[in-house]
Protein backbone atom coordinates (compact mmCIF):
# COMPACT_ATOMS: atom_id res chain seq x y z
CA MET A 1 50.73 124.25 90.21
CA CYS A 2 51.97 125.69 87.03
CA SER A 3 54.67 123.87 84.87
CA SER A 4 57.44 126.42 85.81
CA ASP A 5 56.98 125.54 89.40
CA LEU A 6 58.18 122.09 89.10
CA PHE A 7 61.78 121.16 87.78
CA HIS A 8 63.05 117.50 87.26
CA ASN A 9 66.62 116.70 87.43
CA GLY A 10 66.21 112.96 86.77
CA VAL A 11 66.26 111.94 90.25
CA LEU A 12 63.79 114.16 92.17
CA PRO A 13 61.44 116.56 91.29
CA THR A 14 61.82 119.99 93.34
CA ARG A 15 59.76 122.74 93.79
CA GLY A 16 61.40 126.29 92.86
CA GLY A 17 64.88 124.92 92.04
CA ALA A 18 67.29 122.43 90.98
CA GLN A 19 68.89 119.32 93.18
CA PHE A 20 72.27 117.87 92.30
CA ASP A 21 74.30 115.48 94.10
CA PRO A 22 76.81 117.83 96.41
CA ILE A 23 79.62 115.04 96.39
CA THR A 24 82.27 114.91 93.92
CA HIS A 25 82.58 111.17 92.69
CA LEU A 26 85.94 110.17 91.52
CA THR A 27 87.03 106.97 90.10
CA GLN A 28 90.62 106.57 88.58
CA TRP A 29 93.38 103.79 88.27
CA GLY A 30 96.44 103.23 86.11
CA VAL A 31 99.26 101.01 85.60
CA SER A 32 102.61 101.50 84.14
CA GLY A 33 105.88 99.49 83.65
CA ARG A 34 109.33 99.68 82.49
CA LEU A 35 111.24 97.08 81.04
CA VAL A 36 115.23 97.43 80.61
CA VAL A 37 117.05 94.68 78.65
CA GLY A 38 120.80 94.64 78.59
CA ILE A 39 121.72 93.78 74.90
CA THR A 40 125.54 94.19 75.55
CA ASP A 41 127.39 95.83 78.22
CA ASN A 42 127.05 99.40 76.29
CA ILE A 43 123.83 99.01 74.72
CA ASP A 44 120.17 98.93 76.40
CA TRP A 45 116.64 98.37 74.96
CA THR A 46 113.81 100.04 77.28
CA THR A 47 110.30 99.97 76.83
CA ILE A 48 108.05 102.03 79.24
CA VAL A 49 104.07 101.38 79.05
CA GLY A 50 101.32 103.05 80.59
CA TYR A 51 97.35 103.11 80.99
CA ARG A 52 95.23 105.54 83.07
CA ASP A 53 91.36 105.55 83.30
CA LEU A 54 89.34 108.28 85.05
CA TYR A 55 85.63 108.94 85.79
CA GLU A 56 84.66 111.88 87.57
CA ARG A 57 81.26 113.39 88.08
CA HIS A 58 80.40 116.65 90.01
CA ALA A 59 77.96 119.62 90.13
CA PHE A 60 78.32 123.23 91.10
CA ASP A 61 76.11 126.50 91.28
CA VAL A 62 77.51 128.87 88.88
CA ASP A 63 77.01 131.94 90.92
CA GLY A 64 78.02 130.48 94.38
CA SER A 65 74.80 131.54 96.21
CA PRO A 66 72.70 129.39 98.38
CA LEU A 67 69.99 129.77 95.45
CA ALA A 68 69.74 127.88 92.31
CA GLU A 69 70.27 130.47 89.83
CA GLU A 70 72.43 128.48 87.48
CA MET A 71 73.52 124.91 88.09
CA THR A 72 75.90 122.79 86.14
CA SER A 73 76.30 118.78 86.48
CA LEU A 74 79.14 117.39 84.87
CA ASN A 75 80.44 114.18 83.86
CA ILE A 76 84.14 113.68 82.83
CA GLY A 77 85.91 110.74 81.74
CA GLU A 78 88.96 109.76 79.93
CA HIS A 79 91.27 106.71 79.32
CA TYR A 80 94.67 106.73 77.47
CA THR A 81 97.69 104.44 76.68
CA ASN A 82 101.16 105.48 76.19
CA ILE A 83 104.19 103.36 74.82
CA GLU A 84 107.79 104.38 74.48
CA THR A 85 110.64 102.04 73.17
CA ARG A 86 114.29 102.98 72.70
CA LEU A 87 117.74 101.72 72.05
CA SER A 88 120.40 103.61 73.72
CA GLY A 89 124.17 103.20 73.96
CA LYS A 90 127.17 104.73 75.81
CA MET A 91 130.69 104.60 74.67
CA ASP A 92 133.94 106.56 75.36
CA LEU A 93 133.48 109.30 72.87
CA ILE A 94 129.79 109.02 72.05
CA ASP A 95 126.18 108.32 73.76
CA TRP A 96 123.24 107.90 71.37
CA VAL A 97 119.61 106.79 71.54
CA VAL A 98 116.90 106.18 68.95
CA GLY A 99 113.31 105.53 69.64
CA GLY A 100 109.54 105.71 69.23
CA PHE A 101 106.78 107.20 71.17
CA TYR A 102 102.91 106.45 70.91
CA PHE A 103 99.99 107.97 72.74
CA GLU A 104 96.36 107.21 72.41
CA GLY A 105 93.36 108.55 74.28
CA GLN A 106 89.92 109.09 74.39
CA GLY A 107 87.89 111.46 76.80
CA PHE A 108 84.39 112.82 77.14
CA THR A 109 82.40 115.75 79.07
CA ASN A 110 78.85 115.60 79.41
CA ALA A 111 77.32 118.69 81.06
CA ILE A 112 73.71 119.94 81.70
CA THR A 113 73.49 123.39 82.86
CA TYR A 114 70.40 125.11 83.57
CA SER A 115 68.55 128.19 85.28
CA PRO A 116 65.46 127.48 86.91
CA GLN A 117 64.82 131.18 87.20
CA SER A 118 65.11 131.91 83.57
CA ALA A 119 64.27 128.43 82.25
CA PHE A 120 67.56 128.21 80.38
CA TYR A 121 68.68 124.59 79.53
CA LYS A 122 71.78 123.80 77.83
CA ILE A 123 73.40 120.18 77.26
CA GLN A 124 76.97 119.51 76.05
CA HIS A 125 78.42 116.14 74.96
CA ILE A 126 81.95 116.63 73.92
CA ILE A 127 84.27 113.63 72.78
CA TYR A 128 87.92 114.39 71.99
CA LYS A 129 90.48 111.93 70.94
CA PRO A 130 94.10 112.85 71.19
CA ASN A 131 96.86 110.78 69.16
CA SER A 132 100.61 111.19 69.06
CA LYS A 133 103.12 108.90 67.13
CA ALA A 134 106.97 110.13 67.32
CA LEU A 135 110.27 108.88 66.11
CA PHE A 136 113.36 110.41 67.88
CA ALA A 137 117.03 110.30 67.98
CA ASN A 138 119.95 112.07 69.92
CA VAL A 139 123.76 111.69 69.74
CA THR A 140 126.18 113.08 72.04
CA VAL A 141 129.79 113.45 70.93
CA LYS A 142 132.57 113.74 73.49
CA PRO A 143 135.60 114.86 71.68
CA LEU A 144 137.42 116.49 74.81
CA PRO A 145 136.90 115.80 78.63
CA ARG A 146 134.98 119.14 79.14
CA LEU A 147 133.41 119.58 75.74
CA GLN A 148 130.27 117.81 74.38
CA VAL A 149 128.33 118.37 71.19
CA GLU A 150 124.66 117.19 70.97
CA LEU A 151 122.47 116.67 67.97
CA GLY A 152 118.90 115.62 68.02
CA GLY A 153 115.59 115.46 66.02
CA ARG A 154 112.21 114.49 66.65
CA TYR A 155 109.54 113.60 63.95
CA SER A 156 105.76 113.99 65.40
CA ASP A 157 102.46 113.17 63.95
CA ASP A 158 99.79 114.46 66.26
CA THR A 159 95.83 114.56 65.87
CA LYS A 160 93.34 116.12 68.31
CA SER A 161 89.90 115.64 67.17
CA VAL A 162 86.97 116.92 69.14
CA ASP A 163 83.37 116.31 68.45
CA LEU A 164 81.21 119.01 70.09
CA ASP A 165 77.26 118.63 70.29
CA ARG A 166 75.81 121.47 72.38
CA LYS A 167 72.04 122.21 72.51
CA SER A 168 70.48 125.05 74.41
CA THR A 169 66.89 125.99 74.85
CA ARG A 170 64.52 127.76 76.96
CA LEU A 171 62.02 125.52 78.78
CA ASN A 172 58.35 126.23 78.41
CA SER A 173 57.21 128.33 81.29
CA SER A 174 53.66 129.17 80.27
CA HIS A 175 50.87 128.35 82.70
């Protein structure tokens, strides 16, 4: 048997093609909560928090045929936390809110793509880390019963770093 006739996907050696798990696996969960505290009859303090975690694994045949022309196996994961807190008030002539927002996440994508026919093999490892911080304020003035004037602003500081590691090669197909 020559080396190009045998491929190994980490689980089973198979002759003449690749073999990946045909089932999509998904595990996810999250939790969130909201707390509202009435400071006075007209002023509330509200905090909202959330966390989400996801892991997913699937494989697909790029060309959609029953032959393994090019196969990809993906592992994807992410988790993130977000928090918002705000102070708001309602009065006869004015409604207002001031607050802040924070988001932090981390995710990854791991992929293996290869073609048994062309002996092409590619590995991708991507890590991404989004982060967002914001302050906001809004005021609504109601000088007349059918007239409102709104003014608001938001300052945001966002970062979205991505670390990409990608390698590709041709497998040795000599006899």
